[in-house]
Amino acid sequence: MTVKYTKDHEWVRIEGDVGTVGVTDFAQQQLGDVVFVELPEAGRELTLGGEAAVVESVKAASDVFAPVSGTVTESNGALVEEPSMVNSAAETDGWFFKLTLSSPSELDDLMDADAYKAYVEGLH
């Protein structure tokens, strides 16, 4: 299992050819209390950097972008019922969707955990 990160504060956990996508702990802290999520439907084709989902908080609405290209296989229905899971478990149970990777080489352009941590520290 590998986890990669984007500069837009999404993460993707890779298991075989399936990626599970969510927002980072840093992102949820910036958003504040999440009150609504809109998730992609199974079968939707996503392209690298394209809009994939929407997350709304008490502060703002933000797009969640696809960290890699692929076909959505599942969305996290529990988030629709309890959007606050994005805040309480951003990088575990608060995942947004899963997809089958169509271009695994796109992962090469993403950051590993250490690089992402350094990136976030540079934002302060």
PDB file of N, CA and C in Angstrom:
ATOM      1  N   MET A   1       0.836  -1.186   0.000  1.00  0.00           N
ATOM      2  CA  MET A   1       0.000   0.000   0.000  1.00  0.00           C
ATOM      3  C   MET A   1       0.881   1.249   0.000  1.00  0.00           C
ATOM      4  N   THR A   2       0.586   2.135  -0.904  1.00  0.00           N
ATOM      5  CA  THR A   2       1.326   3.385  -1.051  1.00  0.00           C
ATOM      6  C   THR A   2       0.345   4.543  -0.928  1.00  0.00           C
ATOM      7  N   VAL A   3       0.758   5.619  -0.270  1.00  0.00           N
ATOM      8  CA  VAL A   3      -0.069   6.820  -0.207  1.00  0.00           C
ATOM      9  C   VAL A   3       0.715   7.966  -0.833  1.00  0.00           C
ATOM     10  N   LYS A   4       0.047   8.683  -1.741  1.00  0.00           N
ATOM     11  CA  LYS A   4       0.648   9.840  -2.412  1.00  0.00           C
ATOM     12  C   LYS A   4      -0.234  11.059  -2.176  1.00  0.00           C
ATOM     13  N   TYR A   5       0.371  12.249  -2.322  1.00  0.00           N
ATOM     14  CA  TYR A   5      -0.316  13.500  -2.007  1.00  0.00           C
ATOM     15  C   TYR A   5      -0.178  14.510  -3.142  1.00  0.00           C
ATOM     16  N   THR A   6      -1.176  15.416  -3.238  1.00  0.00           N
ATOM     17  CA  THR A   6      -1.133  16.483  -4.241  1.00  0.00           C
ATOM     18  C   THR A   6      -0.915  17.830  -3.552  1.00  0.00           C
ATOM     19  N   LYS A   7      -0.551  18.826  -4.344  1.00  0.00           N
ATOM     20  CA  LYS A   7      -0.404  20.183  -3.817  1.00  0.00           C
ATOM     21  C   LYS A   7      -1.756  20.808  -3.505  1.00  0.00           C
ATOM     22  N   ASP A   8      -2.841  20.169  -3.973  1.00  0.00           N
ATOM     23  CA  ASP A   8      -4.189  20.632  -3.654  1.00  0.00           C
ATOM     24  C   ASP A   8      -4.723  19.953  -2.392  1.00  0.00           C
ATOM     25  N   HIS A   9      -3.873  19.180  -1.730  1.00  0.00           N
ATOM     26  CA  HIS A   9      -4.184  18.545  -0.437  1.00  0.00           C
ATOM     27  C   HIS A   9      -5.159  17.380  -0.536  1.00  0.00           C
ATOM     28  N   GLU A  10      -5.069  16.639  -1.649  1.00  0.00           N
ATOM     29  CA  GLU A  10      -5.752  15.362  -1.737  1.00  0.00           C
ATOM     30  C   GLU A  10      -4.721  14.261  -1.506  1.00  0.00           C
ATOM     31  N   TRP A  11      -5.211  13.120  -1.043  1.00  0.00           N
ATOM     32  CA  TRP A  11      -4.348  11.948  -0.928  1.00  0.00           C
ATOM     33  C   TRP A  11      -4.983  10.816  -1.725  1.00  0.00           C
ATOM     34  N   VAL A  12      -4.137   9.898  -2.162  1.00  0.00           N
ATOM     35  CA  VAL A  12      -4.623   8.696  -2.830  1.00  0.00           C
ATOM     36  C   VAL A  12      -3.828   7.517  -2.279  1.00  0.00           C
ATOM     37  N   ARG A  13      -4.559   6.534  -1.764  1.00  0.00           N
ATOM     38  CA  ARG A  13      -3.951   5.312  -1.227  1.00  0.00           C
ATOM     39  C   ARG A  13      -4.102   4.236  -2.294  1.00  0.00           C
ATOM     40  N   ILE A  14      -2.968   3.706  -2.752  1.00  0.00           N
ATOM     41  CA  ILE A  14      -2.949   2.748  -3.855  1.00  0.00           C
ATOM     42  C   ILE A  14      -2.849   1.320  -3.327  1.00  0.00           C
ATOM     43  N   GLU A  15      -3.778   0.490  -3.782  1.00  0.00           N
ATOM     44  CA  GLU A  15      -3.754  -0.944  -3.486  1.00  0.00           C
ATOM     45  C   GLU A  15      -4.023  -1.653  -4.805  1.00  0.00           C
ATOM     46  N   GLY A  16      -2.966  -2.203  -5.401  1.00  0.00           N
ATOM     47  CA  GLY A  16      -3.096  -2.795  -6.728  1.00  0.00           C
ATOM     48  C   GLY A  16      -3.364  -1.705  -7.744  1.00  0.00           C
ATOM     49  N   ASP A  17      -4.469  -1.834  -8.502  1.00  0.00           N
ATOM     50  CA  ASP A  17      -4.808  -0.798  -9.487  1.00  0.00           C
ATOM     51  C   ASP A  17      -5.974   0.075  -9.014  1.00  0.00           C
ATOM     52  N   VAL A  18      -6.252   0.026  -7.694  1.00  0.00           N
ATOM     53  CA  VAL A  18      -7.340   0.817  -7.121  1.00  0.00           C
ATOM     54  C   VAL A  18      -6.769   1.920  -6.234  1.00  0.00           C
ATOM     55  N   GLY A  19      -7.286   3.121  -6.421  1.00  0.00           N
ATOM     56  CA  GLY A  19      -6.893   4.253  -5.583  1.00  0.00           C
ATOM     57  C   GLY A  19      -8.080   4.707  -4.748  1.00  0.00           C
ATOM     58  N   THR A  20      -7.847   4.898  -3.446  1.00  0.00           N
ATOM     59  CA  THR A  20      -8.848   5.471  -2.552  1.00  0.00           C
ATOM     60  C   THR A  20      -8.441   6.925  -2.330  1.00  0.00           C
ATOM     61  N   VAL A  21      -9.381   7.855  -2.519  1.00  0.00           N
ATOM     62  CA  VAL A  21      -9.063   9.283  -2.526  1.00  0.00           C
ATOM     63  C   VAL A  21      -9.797  10.018  -1.407  1.00  0.00           C
ATOM     64  N   GLY A  22      -9.079  10.958  -0.789  1.00  0.00           N
ATOM     65  CA  GLY A  22      -9.685  11.822   0.218  1.00  0.00           C
ATOM     66  C   GLY A  22      -8.897  13.113   0.321  1.00  0.00           C
ATOM     67  N   VAL A  23      -9.258  13.938   1.298  1.00  0.00           N
ATOM     68  CA  VAL A  23      -8.516  15.167   1.545  1.00  0.00           C
ATOM     69  C   VAL A  23      -7.648  14.973   2.780  1.00  0.00           C
ATOM     70  N   THR A  24      -6.566  15.712   2.829  1.00  0.00           N
ATOM     71  CA  THR A  24      -5.612  15.553   3.929  1.00  0.00           C
ATOM     72  C   THR A  24      -6.117  16.202   5.209  1.00  0.00           C
ATOM     73  N   ASP A  25      -5.458  15.849   6.295  1.00  0.00           N
ATOM     74  CA  ASP A  25      -5.773  16.448   7.578  1.00  0.00           C
ATOM     75  C   ASP A  25      -5.574  17.964   7.518  1.00  0.00           C
ATOM     76  N   PHE A  26      -4.520  18.395   6.823  1.00  0.00           N
ATOM     77  CA  PHE A  26      -4.276  19.834   6.654  1.00  0.00           C
ATOM     78  C   PHE A  26      -5.470  20.498   5.974  1.00  0.00           C
ATOM     79  N   ALA A  27      -5.992  19.867   4.923  1.00  0.00           N
ATOM     80  CA  ALA A  27      -7.126  20.441   4.185  1.00  0.00           C
ATOM     81  C   ALA A  27      -8.346  20.575   5.067  1.00  0.00           C
ATOM     82  N   GLN A  28      -8.653  19.539   5.854  1.00  0.00           N
ATOM     83  CA  GLN A  28      -9.856  19.618   6.687  1.00  0.00           C
ATOM     84  C   GLN A  28      -9.708  20.682   7.765  1.00  0.00           C
ATOM     85  N   GLN A  29      -8.477  20.893   8.244  1.00  0.00           N
ATOM     86  CA  GLN A  29      -8.258  21.961   9.231  1.00  0.00           C
ATOM     87  C   GLN A  29      -8.533  23.327   8.605  1.00  0.00           C
ATOM     88  N   GLN A  30      -8.115  23.501   7.344  1.00  0.00           N
ATOM     89  CA  GLN A  30      -8.336  24.759   6.651  1.00  0.00           C
ATOM     90  C   GLN A  30      -9.817  24.978   6.350  1.00  0.00           C
ATOM     91  N   LEU A  31     -10.534  23.895   6.070  1.00  0.00           N
ATOM     92  CA  LEU A  31     -11.947  23.997   5.739  1.00  0.00           C
ATOM     93  C   LEU A  31     -12.801  24.367   6.948  1.00  0.00           C
ATOM     94  N   GLY A  32     -12.457  23.835   8.103  1.00  0.00           N
ATOM     95  CA  GLY A  32     -13.327  23.981   9.262  1.00  0.00           C
ATOM     96  C   GLY A  32     -14.369  22.877   9.250  1.00  0.00           C
ATOM     97  N   ASP A  33     -15.447  23.063   9.985  1.00  0.00           N
ATOM     98  CA  ASP A  33     -16.461  22.016  10.139  1.00  0.00           C
ATOM     99  C   ASP A  33     -17.158  21.719   8.821  1.00  0.00           C
ATOM    100  N   VAL A  34     -16.998  20.490   8.328  1.00  0.00           N
ATOM    101  CA  VAL A  34     -17.607  20.075   7.065  1.00  0.00           C
ATOM    102  C   VAL A  34     -19.078  19.737   7.313  1.00  0.00           C
ATOM    103  N   VAL A  35     -19.951  20.301   6.471  1.00  0.00           N
ATOM    104  CA  VAL A  35     -21.390  20.119   6.653  1.00  0.00           C
ATOM    105  C   VAL A  35     -22.065  19.389   5.482  1.00  0.00           C
ATOM    106  N   PHE A  36     -21.346  19.248   4.344  1.00  0.00           N
ATOM    107  CA  PHE A  36     -21.953  18.617   3.174  1.00  0.00           C
ATOM    108  C   PHE A  36     -20.861  18.135   2.235  1.00  0.00           C
ATOM    109  N   VAL A  37     -21.080  16.984   1.622  1.00  0.00           N
ATOM    110  CA  VAL A  37     -20.189  16.514   0.557  1.00  0.00           C
ATOM    111  C   VAL A  37     -21.033  16.053  -0.631  1.00  0.00           C
ATOM    112  N   GLU A  38     -20.501  16.277  -1.808  1.00  0.00           N
ATOM    113  CA  GLU A  38     -21.099  15.770  -3.041  1.00  0.00           C
ATOM    114  C   GLU A  38     -20.054  14.870  -3.674  1.00  0.00           C
ATOM    115  N   LEU A  39     -20.409  13.603  -3.851  1.00  0.00           N
ATOM    116  CA  LEU A  39     -19.443  12.604  -4.299  1.00  0.00           C
ATOM    117  C   LEU A  39     -19.743  12.152  -5.724  1.00  0.00           C
ATOM    118  N   PRO A  40     -18.715  11.701  -6.440  1.00  0.00           N
ATOM    119  CA  PRO A  40     -18.943  11.214  -7.810  1.00  0.00           C
ATOM    120  C   PRO A  40     -19.640   9.858  -7.808  1.00  0.00           C
ATOM    121  N   GLU A  41     -20.411   9.601  -8.851  1.00  0.00           N
ATOM    122  CA  GLU A  41     -21.116   8.326  -8.978  1.00  0.00           C
ATOM    123  C   GLU A  41     -20.212   7.267  -9.585  1.00  0.00           C
ATOM    124  N   ALA A  42     -20.460   6.018  -9.218  1.00  0.00           N
ATOM    125  CA  ALA A  42     -19.722   4.899  -9.799  1.00  0.00           C
ATOM    126  C   ALA A  42     -19.875   4.932 -11.311  1.00  0.00           C
ATOM    127  N   GLY A  43     -18.784   4.650 -12.002  1.00  0.00           N
ATOM    128  CA  GLY A  43     -18.790   4.651 -13.459  1.00  0.00           C
ATOM    129  C   GLY A  43     -18.318   5.959 -14.068  1.00  0.00           C
ATOM    130  N   ARG A  44     -18.225   7.008 -13.268  1.00  0.00           N
ATOM    131  CA  ARG A  44     -17.780   8.304 -13.789  1.00  0.00           C
ATOM    132  C   ARG A  44     -16.287   8.259 -14.095  1.00  0.00           C
ATOM    133  N   GLU A  45     -15.929   8.774 -15.254  1.00  0.00           N
ATOM    134  CA  GLU A  45     -14.522   8.861 -15.657  1.00  0.00           C
ATOM    135  C   GLU A  45     -13.936  10.163 -15.123  1.00  0.00           C
ATOM    136  N   LEU A  46     -12.835  10.081 -14.411  1.00  0.00           N
ATOM    137  CA  LEU A  46     -12.164  11.267 -13.896  1.00  0.00           C
ATOM    138  C   LEU A  46     -10.813  11.418 -14.575  1.00  0.00           C
ATOM    139  N   THR A  47     -10.425  12.665 -14.802  1.00  0.00           N
ATOM    140  CA  THR A  47      -9.112  12.914 -15.365  1.00  0.00           C
ATOM    141  C   THR A  47      -8.255  13.644 -14.344  1.00  0.00           C
ATOM    142  N   LEU A  48      -6.975  13.415 -14.422  1.00  0.00           N
ATOM    143  CA  LEU A  48      -6.007  14.023 -13.514  1.00  0.00           C
ATOM    144  C   LEU A  48      -6.259  15.524 -13.390  1.00  0.00           C
ATOM    145  N   GLY A  49      -6.462  15.996 -12.170  1.00  0.00           N
ATOM    146  CA  GLY A  49      -6.663  17.415 -11.922  1.00  0.00           C
ATOM    147  C   GLY A  49      -8.080  17.908 -12.139  1.00  0.00           C
ATOM    148  N   GLY A  50      -8.960  17.042 -12.635  1.00  0.00           N
ATOM    149  CA  GLY A  50     -10.342  17.447 -12.877  1.00  0.00           C
ATOM    150  C   GLY A  50     -11.168  17.438 -11.604  1.00  0.00           C
ATOM    151  N   GLU A  51     -12.278  18.179 -11.617  1.00  0.00           N
ATOM    152  CA  GLU A  51     -13.161  18.205 -10.465  1.00  0.00           C
ATOM    153  C   GLU A  51     -13.767  16.823 -10.260  1.00  0.00           C
ATOM    154  N   ALA A  52     -13.717  16.353  -9.012  1.00  0.00           N
ATOM    155  CA  ALA A  52     -14.220  15.021  -8.716  1.00  0.00           C
ATOM    156  C   ALA A  52     -15.347  15.038  -7.686  1.00  0.00           C
ATOM    157  N   ALA A  53     -15.262  15.936  -6.719  1.00  0.00           N
ATOM    158  CA  ALA A  53     -16.237  15.996  -5.640  1.00  0.00           C
ATOM    159  C   ALA A  53     -16.292  17.426  -5.118  1.00  0.00           C
ATOM    160  N   VAL A  54     -17.270  17.685  -4.249  1.00  0.00           N
ATOM    161  CA  VAL A  54     -17.406  18.991  -3.616  1.00  0.00           C
ATOM    162  C   VAL A  54     -17.520  18.775  -2.117  1.00  0.00           C
ATOM    163  N   VAL A  55     -16.845  19.626  -1.378  1.00  0.00           N
ATOM    164  CA  VAL A  55     -16.947  19.587   0.081  1.00  0.00           C
ATOM    165  C   VAL A  55     -17.313  20.989   0.547  1.00  0.00           C
ATOM    166  N   GLU A  56     -18.349  21.063   1.389  1.00  0.00           N
ATOM    167  CA  GLU A  56     -18.787  22.357   1.913  1.00  0.00           C
ATOM    168  C   GLU A  56     -18.592  22.371   3.417  1.00  0.00           C
ATOM    169  N   SER A  57     -18.068  23.492   3.894  1.00  0.00           N
ATOM    170  CA  SER A  57     -17.881  23.658   5.328  1.00  0.00           C
ATOM    171  C   SER A  57     -18.600  24.925   5.753  1.00  0.00           C
ATOM    172  N   VAL A  58     -18.533  25.218   7.046  1.00  0.00           N
ATOM    173  CA  VAL A  58     -19.146  26.449   7.532  1.00  0.00           C
ATOM    174  C   VAL A  58     -18.438  27.668   6.952  1.00  0.00           C
ATOM    175  N   LYS A  59     -17.195  27.494   6.474  1.00  0.00           N
ATOM    176  CA  LYS A  59     -16.416  28.602   5.925  1.00  0.00           C
ATOM    177  C   LYS A  59     -16.588  28.779   4.425  1.00  0.00           C
ATOM    178  N   ALA A  60     -16.610  27.662   3.675  1.00  0.00           N
ATOM    179  CA  ALA A  60     -16.569  27.763   2.215  1.00  0.00           C
ATOM    180  C   ALA A  60     -16.922  26.431   1.559  1.00  0.00           C
ATOM    181  N   ALA A  61     -17.141  26.494   0.251  1.00  0.00           N
ATOM    182  CA  ALA A  61     -17.294  25.283  -0.558  1.00  0.00           C
ATOM    183  C   ALA A  61     -16.016  25.130  -1.376  1.00  0.00           C
ATOM    184  N   SER A  62     -15.534  23.916  -1.488  1.00  0.00           N
ATOM    185  CA  SER A  62     -14.300  23.660  -2.224  1.00  0.00           C
ATOM    186  C   SER A  62     -14.459  22.445  -3.106  1.00  0.00           C
ATOM    187  N   ASP A  63     -13.767  22.463  -4.234  1.00  0.00           N
ATOM    188  CA  ASP A  63     -13.723  21.291  -5.091  1.00  0.00           C
ATOM    189  C   ASP A  63     -12.650  20.347  -4.595  1.00  0.00           C
ATOM    190  N   VAL A  64     -12.907  19.067  -4.787  1.00  0.00           N
ATOM    191  CA  VAL A  64     -11.894  18.041  -4.568  1.00  0.00           C
ATOM    192  C   VAL A  64     -11.514  17.553  -5.957  1.00  0.00           C
ATOM    193  N   PHE A  65     -10.226  17.580  -6.256  1.00  0.00           N
ATOM    194  CA  PHE A  65      -9.750  17.237  -7.587  1.00  0.00           C
ATOM    195  C   PHE A  65      -9.230  15.803  -7.623  1.00  0.00           C
ATOM    196  N   ALA A  66      -9.301  15.200  -8.794  1.00  0.00           N
ATOM    197  CA  ALA A  66      -8.799  13.836  -8.970  1.00  0.00           C
ATOM    198  C   ALA A  66      -7.271  13.864  -8.986  1.00  0.00           C
ATOM    199  N   PRO A  67      -6.619  13.160  -8.052  1.00  0.00           N
ATOM    200  CA  PRO A  67      -5.158  13.132  -8.037  1.00  0.00           C
ATOM    201  C   PRO A  67      -4.575  12.277  -9.154  1.00  0.00           C
ATOM    202  N   VAL A  68      -5.400  11.405  -9.722  1.00  0.00           N
ATOM    203  CA  VAL A  68      -5.020  10.542 -10.840  1.00  0.00           C
ATOM    204  C   VAL A  68      -6.252  10.315 -11.714  1.00  0.00           C
ATOM    205  N   SER A  69      -6.030   9.877 -12.930  1.00  0.00           N
ATOM    206  CA  SER A  69      -7.135   9.550 -13.837  1.00  0.00           C
ATOM    207  C   SER A  69      -7.650   8.147 -13.545  1.00  0.00           C
ATOM    208  N   GLY A  70      -8.951   7.957 -13.785  1.00  0.00           N
ATOM    209  CA  GLY A  70      -9.509   6.626 -13.599  1.00  0.00           C
ATOM    210  C   GLY A  70     -11.019   6.638 -13.606  1.00  0.00           C
ATOM    211  N   THR A  71     -11.594   5.463 -13.344  1.00  0.00           N
ATOM    212  CA  THR A  71     -13.041   5.277 -13.319  1.00  0.00           C
ATOM    213  C   THR A  71     -13.481   5.038 -11.884  1.00  0.00           C
ATOM    214  N   VAL A  72     -14.442   5.840 -11.426  1.00  0.00           N
ATOM    215  CA  VAL A  72     -14.949   5.699 -10.059  1.00  0.00           C
ATOM    216  C   VAL A  72     -15.633   4.345  -9.909  1.00  0.00           C
ATOM    217  N   THR A  73     -15.263   3.622  -8.858  1.00  0.00           N
ATOM    218  CA  THR A  73     -15.884   2.326  -8.588  1.00  0.00           C
ATOM    219  C   THR A  73     -16.814   2.380  -7.387  1.00  0.00           C
ATOM    220  N   GLU A  74     -16.593   3.348  -6.499  1.00  0.00           N
ATOM    221  CA  GLU A  74     -17.379   3.414  -5.268  1.00  0.00           C
ATOM    222  C   GLU A  74     -17.212   4.789  -4.639  1.00  0.00           C
ATOM    223  N   SER A  75     -18.292   5.282  -4.033  1.00  0.00           N
ATOM    224  CA  SER A  75     -18.215   6.500  -3.234  1.00  0.00           C
ATOM    225  C   SER A  75     -18.526   6.134  -1.790  1.00  0.00           C
ATOM    226  N   ASN A  76     -18.040   6.937  -0.876  1.00  0.00           N
ATOM    227  CA  ASN A  76     -18.214   6.670   0.555  1.00  0.00           C
ATOM    228  C   ASN A  76     -19.559   7.231   1.016  1.00  0.00           C
ATOM    229  N   GLY A  77     -20.597   6.407   0.934  1.00  0.00           N
ATOM    230  CA  GLY A  77     -21.939   6.827   1.306  1.00  0.00           C
ATOM    231  C   GLY A  77     -22.044   7.290   2.748  1.00  0.00           C
ATOM    232  N   ALA A  78     -21.181   6.779   3.616  1.00  0.00           N
ATOM    233  CA  ALA A  78     -21.212   7.180   5.021  1.00  0.00           C
ATOM    234  C   ALA A  78     -20.935   8.676   5.166  1.00  0.00           C
ATOM    235  N   LEU A  79     -20.147   9.234   4.238  1.00  0.00           N
ATOM    236  CA  LEU A  79     -19.840  10.671   4.298  1.00  0.00           C
ATOM    237  C   LEU A  79     -21.069  11.531   4.026  1.00  0.00           C
ATOM    238  N   VAL A  80     -21.959  11.041   3.177  1.00  0.00           N
ATOM    239  CA  VAL A  80     -23.173  11.793   2.869  1.00  0.00           C
ATOM    240  C   VAL A  80     -24.022  11.901   4.136  1.00  0.00           C
ATOM    241  N   GLU A  81     -24.099  10.797   4.876  1.00  0.00           N
ATOM    242  CA  GLU A  81     -24.874  10.767   6.117  1.00  0.00           C
ATOM    243  C   GLU A  81     -24.184  11.541   7.232  1.00  0.00           C
ATOM    244  N   GLU A  82     -22.863  11.480   7.257  1.00  0.00           N
ATOM    245  CA  GLU A  82     -22.088  12.099   8.343  1.00  0.00           C
ATOM    246  C   GLU A  82     -20.859  12.820   7.784  1.00  0.00           C
ATOM    247  N   PRO A  83     -21.073  14.003   7.153  1.00  0.00           N
ATOM    248  CA  PRO A  83     -19.961  14.728   6.525  1.00  0.00           C
ATOM    249  C   PRO A  83     -18.848  15.109   7.500  1.00  0.00           C
ATOM    250  N   SER A  84     -19.156  15.179   8.778  1.00  0.00           N
ATOM    251  CA  SER A  84     -18.140  15.546   9.774  1.00  0.00           C
ATOM    252  C   SER A  84     -17.024  14.510   9.871  1.00  0.00           C
ATOM    253  N   MET A  85     -17.220  13.318   9.267  1.00  0.00           N
ATOM    254  CA  MET A  85     -16.133  12.325   9.243  1.00  0.00           C
ATOM    255  C   MET A  85     -14.919  12.866   8.501  1.00  0.00           C
ATOM    256  N   VAL A  86     -15.133  13.825   7.592  1.00  0.00           N
ATOM    257  CA  VAL A  86     -13.993  14.443   6.916  1.00  0.00           C
ATOM    258  C   VAL A  86     -13.099  15.116   7.959  1.00  0.00           C
ATOM    259  N   ASN A  87     -13.710  15.718   8.970  1.00  0.00           N
ATOM    260  CA  ASN A  87     -12.941  16.376  10.026  1.00  0.00           C
ATOM    261  C   ASN A  87     -12.322  15.377  10.999  1.00  0.00           C
ATOM    262  N   SER A  88     -13.088  14.383  11.394  1.00  0.00           N
ATOM    263  CA  SER A  88     -12.620  13.475  12.448  1.00  0.00           C
ATOM    264  C   SER A  88     -11.700  12.373  11.936  1.00  0.00           C
ATOM    265  N   ALA A  89     -11.798  12.035  10.653  1.00  0.00           N
ATOM    266  CA  ALA A  89     -11.008  10.912  10.116  1.00  0.00           C
ATOM    267  C   ALA A  89     -10.617  11.187   8.666  1.00  0.00           C
ATOM    268  N   ALA A  90     -10.025  12.360   8.415  1.00  0.00           N
ATOM    269  CA  ALA A  90      -9.744  12.802   7.047  1.00  0.00           C
ATOM    270  C   ALA A  90      -8.953  11.785   6.232  1.00  0.00           C
ATOM    271  N   GLU A  91      -7.978  11.143   6.856  1.00  0.00           N
ATOM    272  CA  GLU A  91      -7.097  10.267   6.079  1.00  0.00           C
ATOM    273  C   GLU A  91      -7.360   8.782   6.327  1.00  0.00           C
ATOM    274  N   THR A  92      -8.529   8.480   6.929  1.00  0.00           N
ATOM    275  CA  THR A  92      -8.905   7.071   7.138  1.00  0.00           C
ATOM    276  C   THR A  92     -10.352   6.864   6.688  1.00  0.00           C
ATOM    277  N   ASP A  93     -11.311   6.832   7.623  1.00  0.00           N
ATOM    278  CA  ASP A  93     -12.705   6.547   7.295  1.00  0.00           C
ATOM    279  C   ASP A  93     -13.394   7.670   6.527  1.00  0.00           C
ATOM    280  N   GLY A  94     -12.772   8.853   6.472  1.00  0.00           N
ATOM    281  CA  GLY A  94     -13.363   9.989   5.779  1.00  0.00           C
ATOM    282  C   GLY A  94     -12.998  10.071   4.310  1.00  0.00           C
ATOM    283  N   TRP A  95     -12.640   8.933   3.696  1.00  0.00           N
ATOM    284  CA  TRP A  95     -12.307   8.921   2.266  1.00  0.00           C
ATOM    285  C   TRP A  95     -13.532   9.298   1.437  1.00  0.00           C
ATOM    286  N   PHE A  96     -13.293   9.797   0.223  1.00  0.00           N
ATOM    287  CA  PHE A  96     -14.371  10.275  -0.641  1.00  0.00           C
ATOM    288  C   PHE A  96     -14.822   9.228  -1.661  1.00  0.00           C
ATOM    289  N   PHE A  97     -13.859   8.669  -2.416  1.00  0.00           N
ATOM    290  CA  PHE A  97     -14.227   7.708  -3.458  1.00  0.00           C
ATOM    291  C   PHE A  97     -13.049   6.811  -3.788  1.00  0.00           C
ATOM    292  N   LYS A  98     -13.376   5.716  -4.474  1.00  0.00           N
ATOM    293  CA  LYS A  98     -12.351   4.791  -4.979  1.00  0.00           C
ATOM    294  C   LYS A  98     -12.448   4.790  -6.495  1.00  0.00           C
ATOM    295  N   LEU A  99     -11.293   4.604  -7.137  1.00  0.00           N
ATOM    296  CA  LEU A  99     -11.287   4.514  -8.597  1.00  0.00           C
ATOM    297  C   LEU A  99     -10.266   3.498  -9.072  1.00  0.00           C
ATOM    298  N   THR A 100     -10.526   2.987 -10.266  1.00  0.00           N
ATOM    299  CA  THR A 100      -9.570   2.113 -10.934  1.00  0.00           C
ATOM    300  C   THR A 100      -8.663   3.016 -11.754  1.00  0.00           C
ATOM    301  N   LEU A 101      -7.364   2.910 -11.515  1.00  0.00           N
ATOM    302  CA  LEU A 101      -6.400   3.784 -12.193  1.00  0.00           C
ATOM    303  C   LEU A 101      -6.348   3.474 -13.681  1.00  0.00           C
ATOM    304  N   SER A 102      -6.375   4.536 -14.492  1.00  0.00           N
ATOM    305  CA  SER A 102      -6.226   4.322 -15.934  1.00  0.00           C
ATOM    306  C   SER A 102      -4.808   4.665 -16.396  1.00  0.00           C
ATOM    307  N   SER A 103      -4.083   5.449 -15.615  1.00  0.00           N
ATOM    308  CA  SER A 103      -2.704   5.822 -15.960  1.00  0.00           C
ATOM    309  C   SER A 103      -1.834   5.800 -14.695  1.00  0.00           C
ATOM    310  N   PRO A 104      -1.444   4.610 -14.241  1.00  0.00           N
ATOM    311  CA  PRO A 104      -0.675   4.511 -12.996  1.00  0.00           C
ATOM    312  C   PRO A 104       0.603   5.351 -12.979  1.00  0.00           C
ATOM    313  N   SER A 105       1.158   5.669 -14.145  1.00  0.00           N
ATOM    314  CA  SER A 105       2.388   6.461 -14.181  1.00  0.00           C
ATOM    315  C   SER A 105       2.167   7.871 -13.643  1.00  0.00           C
ATOM    316  N   GLU A 106       0.903   8.334 -13.582  1.00  0.00           N
ATOM    317  CA  GLU A 106       0.608   9.660 -13.016  1.00  0.00           C
ATOM    318  C   GLU A 106       1.022   9.745 -11.544  1.00  0.00           C
ATOM    319  N   LEU A 107       1.079   8.618 -10.881  1.00  0.00           N
ATOM    320  CA  LEU A 107       1.485   8.592  -9.470  1.00  0.00           C
ATOM    321  C   LEU A 107       2.907   9.113  -9.283  1.00  0.00           C
ATOM    322  N   ASP A 108       3.720   8.970 -10.313  1.00  0.00           N
ATOM    323  CA  ASP A 108       5.119   9.399 -10.222  1.00  0.00           C
ATOM    324  C   ASP A 108       5.264  10.894  -9.968  1.00  0.00           C
ATOM    325  N   ASP A 109       4.243  11.668 -10.346  1.00  0.00           N
ATOM    326  CA  ASP A 109       4.303  13.124 -10.191  1.00  0.00           C
ATOM    327  C   ASP A 109       3.748  13.606  -8.847  1.00  0.00           C
ATOM    328  N   LEU A 110       3.262  12.679  -8.020  1.00  0.00           N
ATOM    329  CA  LEU A 110       2.707  13.046  -6.719  1.00  0.00           C
ATOM    330  C   LEU A 110       3.769  12.942  -5.631  1.00  0.00           C
ATOM    331  N   MET A 111       3.496  13.562  -4.484  1.00  0.00           N
ATOM    332  CA  MET A 111       4.449  13.580  -3.372  1.00  0.00           C
ATOM    333  C   MET A 111       4.237  12.391  -2.442  1.00  0.00           C
ATOM    334  N   ASP A 112       5.333  11.919  -1.855  1.00  0.00           N
ATOM    335  CA  ASP A 112       5.203  10.936  -0.784  1.00  0.00           C
ATOM    336  C   ASP A 112       4.940  11.694   0.518  1.00  0.00           C
ATOM    337  N   ALA A 113       4.762  10.969   1.626  1.00  0.00           N
ATOM    338  CA  ALA A 113       4.394  11.596   2.899  1.00  0.00           C
ATOM    339  C   ALA A 113       5.427  12.628   3.355  1.00  0.00           C
ATOM    340  N   ASP A 114       6.697  12.314   3.231  1.00  0.00           N
ATOM    341  CA  ASP A 114       7.742  13.242   3.681  1.00  0.00           C
ATOM    342  C   ASP A 114       7.750  14.521   2.845  1.00  0.00           C
ATOM    343  N   ALA A 115       7.608  14.372   1.532  1.00  0.00           N
ATOM    344  CA  ALA A 115       7.598  15.541   0.651  1.00  0.00           C
ATOM    345  C   ALA A 115       6.363  16.400   0.918  1.00  0.00           C
ATOM    346  N   TYR A 116       5.217  15.754   1.169  1.00  0.00           N
ATOM    347  CA  TYR A 116       3.997  16.515   1.455  1.00  0.00           C
ATOM    348  C   TYR A 116       4.136  17.272   2.777  1.00  0.00           C
ATOM    349  N   LYS A 117       4.692  16.613   3.772  1.00  0.00           N
ATOM    350  CA  LYS A 117       4.886  17.273   5.069  1.00  0.00           C
ATOM    351  C   LYS A 117       5.766  18.522   4.895  1.00  0.00           C
ATOM    352  N   ALA A 118       6.839  18.401   4.141  1.00  0.00           N
ATOM    353  CA  ALA A 118       7.724  19.539   3.898  1.00  0.00           C
ATOM    354  C   ALA A 118       6.981  20.632   3.118  1.00  0.00           C
ATOM    355  N   TYR A 119       6.145  20.230   2.155  1.00  0.00           N
ATOM    356  CA  TYR A 119       5.365  21.184   1.377  1.00  0.00           C
ATOM    357  C   TYR A 119       4.436  21.994   2.287  1.00  0.00           C
ATOM    358  N   VAL A 120       3.716  21.292   3.171  1.00  0.00           N
ATOM    359  CA  VAL A 120       2.778  21.963   4.080  1.00  0.00           C
ATOM    360  C   VAL A 120       3.529  22.901   5.037  1.00  0.00           C
ATOM    361  N   GLU A 121       4.667  22.441   5.536  1.00  0.00           N
ATOM    362  CA  GLU A 121       5.460  23.292   6.450  1.00  0.00           C
ATOM    363  C   GLU A 121       5.902  24.561   5.741  1.00  0.00           C
ATOM    364  N   GLY A 122       6.145  24.482   4.441  1.00  0.00           N
ATOM    365  CA  GLY A 122       6.550  25.643   3.672  1.00  0.00           C
ATOM    366  C   GLY A 122       5.419  26.628   3.430  1.00  0.00           C
ATOM    367  N   LEU A 123       4.171  26.226   3.700  1.00  0.00           N
ATOM    368  CA  LEU A 123       3.015  27.102   3.500  1.00  0.00           C
ATOM    369  C   LEU A 123       2.799  28.047   4.688  1.00  0.00           C
ATOM    370  N   HIS A 124       3.406  27.741   5.807  1.00  0.00           N
ATOM    371  CA  HIS A 124       3.173  28.540   7.024  1.00  0.00           C
ATOM    372  C   HIS A 124       4.073  29.758   7.070  1.00  0.00           C
TER     373      HIS A 124
END
